[in-house]
Amino acid sequence: PGVLQRFKTGIGELALEFPGIPVYPVFISGVEKTMPRGRYLPVPFNIALNTMPPMYGRDYLQEKRSLGRKQFTAHLEDLFVRMGAEIN
């Protein structure tokens, strides 16, 4: 809880499949403190929702589709890592 895991490339696959549709990254923090593991009732705590500019799969279209998918996912993951560092 509260630790960012490695991203899977499914979002990159979808972004490249529909290159003109924006992907809006949204970073939600504080949820792990509001609903800790093993608790059935939420604990009063602030949850922050941070939105980032949209990303498009068309910016990652290349000859090798798997490379574009991985680059899109890596860029998205990097955004989330930086956002988490700014909040903490």
C-alpha atoms as a PDB file:
ATOM      1  CA  PRO A   1       0.000   0.000   0.000  1.00  0.00           C
ATOM      2  CA  GLY A   2       1.250   3.426  -0.944  1.00  0.00           C
ATOM      3  CA  VAL A   3       4.098   2.045  -3.076  1.00  0.00           C
ATOM      4  CA  LEU A   4       3.964   2.537  -6.824  1.00  0.00           C
ATOM      5  CA  GLN A   5       4.378  -0.731  -8.726  1.00  0.00           C
ATOM      6  CA  ARG A   6       5.852  -1.177 -12.215  1.00  0.00           C
ATOM      7  CA  PHE A   7       3.372  -0.276 -14.953  1.00  0.00           C
ATOM      8  CA  LYS A   8       2.125  -2.915 -17.360  1.00  0.00           C
ATOM      9  CA  THR A   9       2.209  -2.011 -21.068  1.00  0.00           C
ATOM     10  CA  GLY A  10      -1.541  -2.406 -21.660  1.00  0.00           C
ATOM     11  CA  ILE A  11      -2.133   1.347 -21.489  1.00  0.00           C
ATOM     12  CA  GLY A  12       0.570   1.837 -24.116  1.00  0.00           C
ATOM     13  CA  GLU A  13      -1.084  -0.774 -26.317  1.00  0.00           C
ATOM     14  CA  LEU A  14      -4.436   1.014 -26.072  1.00  0.00           C
ATOM     15  CA  ALA A  15      -2.839   4.410 -26.701  1.00  0.00           C
ATOM     16  CA  LEU A  16      -1.199   3.159 -29.895  1.00  0.00           C
ATOM     17  CA  GLU A  17      -4.331   1.309 -31.001  1.00  0.00           C
ATOM     18  CA  PHE A  18      -6.296   4.585 -30.752  1.00  0.00           C
ATOM     19  CA  PRO A  19      -3.566   7.203 -31.348  1.00  0.00           C
ATOM     20  CA  GLY A  20      -5.903  10.205 -31.618  1.00  0.00           C
ATOM     21  CA  ILE A  21      -7.695   9.641 -28.313  1.00  0.00           C
ATOM     22  CA  PRO A  22      -6.078  11.400 -25.340  1.00  0.00           C
ATOM     23  CA  VAL A  23      -4.915   9.541 -22.247  1.00  0.00           C
ATOM     24  CA  TYR A  24      -5.400  11.740 -19.180  1.00  0.00           C
ATOM     25  CA  PRO A  25      -2.954  10.760 -16.414  1.00  0.00           C
ATOM     26  CA  VAL A  26      -4.545  11.156 -12.969  1.00  0.00           C
ATOM     27  CA  PHE A  27      -2.481  10.675  -9.803  1.00  0.00           C
ATOM     28  CA  ILE A  28      -4.465   9.859  -6.651  1.00  0.00           C
ATOM     29  CA  SER A  29      -2.637  10.009  -3.327  1.00  0.00           C
ATOM     30  CA  GLY A  30      -3.731   9.372   0.248  1.00  0.00           C
ATOM     31  CA  VAL A  31      -6.095   6.498  -0.529  1.00  0.00           C
ATOM     32  CA  GLU A  32      -3.823   3.994   1.217  1.00  0.00           C
ATOM     33  CA  LYS A  33      -4.128   6.020   4.445  1.00  0.00           C
ATOM     34  CA  THR A  34      -7.885   6.515   4.145  1.00  0.00           C
ATOM     35  CA  MET A  35      -8.680   2.831   3.739  1.00  0.00           C
ATOM     36  CA  PRO A  36      -5.815   0.851   5.301  1.00  0.00           C
ATOM     37  CA  ARG A  37      -5.592  -2.861   4.651  1.00  0.00           C
ATOM     38  CA  GLY A  38      -7.795  -4.875   6.979  1.00  0.00           C
ATOM     39  CA  ARG A  39     -10.066  -1.935   7.861  1.00  0.00           C
ATOM     40  CA  TYR A  40     -13.738  -1.916   6.945  1.00  0.00           C
ATOM     41  CA  LEU A  41     -14.464   1.726   7.676  1.00  0.00           C
ATOM     42  CA  PRO A  42     -12.574   4.626   6.116  1.00  0.00           C
ATOM     43  CA  VAL A  43     -10.272   6.696   8.305  1.00  0.00           C
ATOM     44  CA  PRO A  44     -10.690  10.486   7.962  1.00  0.00           C
ATOM     45  CA  PHE A  45      -7.780  11.630   5.813  1.00  0.00           C
ATOM     46  CA  ASN A  46      -7.321  13.903   2.816  1.00  0.00           C
ATOM     47  CA  ILE A  47      -7.126  12.385  -0.638  1.00  0.00           C
ATOM     48  CA  ALA A  48      -5.425  14.392  -3.384  1.00  0.00           C
ATOM     49  CA  LEU A  49      -6.279  14.091  -7.056  1.00  0.00           C
ATOM     50  CA  ASN A  50      -3.726  15.542  -9.476  1.00  0.00           C
ATOM     51  CA  THR A  51      -4.346  15.676 -13.208  1.00  0.00           C
ATOM     52  CA  MET A  52      -1.616  15.989 -15.804  1.00  0.00           C
ATOM     53  CA  PRO A  53      -1.734  17.125 -19.444  1.00  0.00           C
ATOM     54  CA  PRO A  54      -3.095  14.544 -21.885  1.00  0.00           C
ATOM     55  CA  MET A  55      -0.796  12.156 -23.723  1.00  0.00           C
ATOM     56  CA  TYR A  56      -1.429  10.780 -27.214  1.00  0.00           C
ATOM     57  CA  GLY A  57      -0.365   7.466 -28.683  1.00  0.00           C
ATOM     58  CA  ARG A  58       0.324   9.196 -32.019  1.00  0.00           C
ATOM     59  CA  ASP A  59       3.412  10.760 -30.436  1.00  0.00           C
ATOM     60  CA  TYR A  60       4.846   7.255 -29.923  1.00  0.00           C
ATOM     61  CA  LEU A  61       3.994   5.608 -33.249  1.00  0.00           C
ATOM     62  CA  GLN A  62       7.110   4.048 -34.746  1.00  0.00           C
ATOM     63  CA  GLU A  63       8.146   1.261 -37.063  1.00  0.00           C
ATOM     64  CA  LYS A  64       8.192  -1.227 -34.189  1.00  0.00           C
ATOM     65  CA  ARG A  65       4.884  -1.106 -32.336  1.00  0.00           C
ATOM     66  CA  SER A  66       6.289  -2.818 -29.240  1.00  0.00           C
ATOM     67  CA  LEU A  67       8.925  -0.086 -28.861  1.00  0.00           C
ATOM     68  CA  GLY A  68       6.312   2.700 -29.006  1.00  0.00           C
ATOM     69  CA  ARG A  69       4.110   0.868 -26.495  1.00  0.00           C
ATOM     70  CA  LYS A  70       7.009   0.495 -24.072  1.00  0.00           C
ATOM     71  CA  GLN A  71       8.108   4.122 -24.495  1.00  0.00           C
ATOM     72  CA  PHE A  72       4.575   5.413 -23.869  1.00  0.00           C
ATOM     73  CA  THR A  73       4.264   3.289 -20.733  1.00  0.00           C
ATOM     74  CA  ALA A  74       7.734   4.269 -19.480  1.00  0.00           C
ATOM     75  CA  HIS A  75       6.974   7.976 -19.960  1.00  0.00           C
ATOM     76  CA  LEU A  76       3.667   7.606 -18.114  1.00  0.00           C
ATOM     77  CA  GLU A  77       5.361   5.725 -15.278  1.00  0.00           C
ATOM     78  CA  ASP A  78       8.065   8.393 -15.047  1.00  0.00           C
ATOM     79  CA  LEU A  79       5.370  11.094 -14.742  1.00  0.00           C
ATOM     80  CA  PHE A  80       3.770   9.213 -11.856  1.00  0.00           C
ATOM     81  CA  VAL A  81       7.083   8.632 -10.082  1.00  0.00           C
ATOM     82  CA  ARG A  82       7.902  12.361 -10.288  1.00  0.00           C
ATOM     83  CA  MET A  83       4.391  13.316  -9.128  1.00  0.00           C
ATOM     84  CA  GLY A  84       4.721  10.978  -6.131  1.00  0.00           C
ATOM     85  CA  ALA A  85       8.107  12.464  -5.243  1.00  0.00           C
ATOM     86  CA  GLU A  86       6.675  16.001  -5.386  1.00  0.00           C
ATOM     87  CA  ILE A  87       3.786  15.115  -3.088  1.00  0.00           C
ATOM     88  CA  ASN A  88       5.898  13.270  -0.512  1.00  0.00           C
END
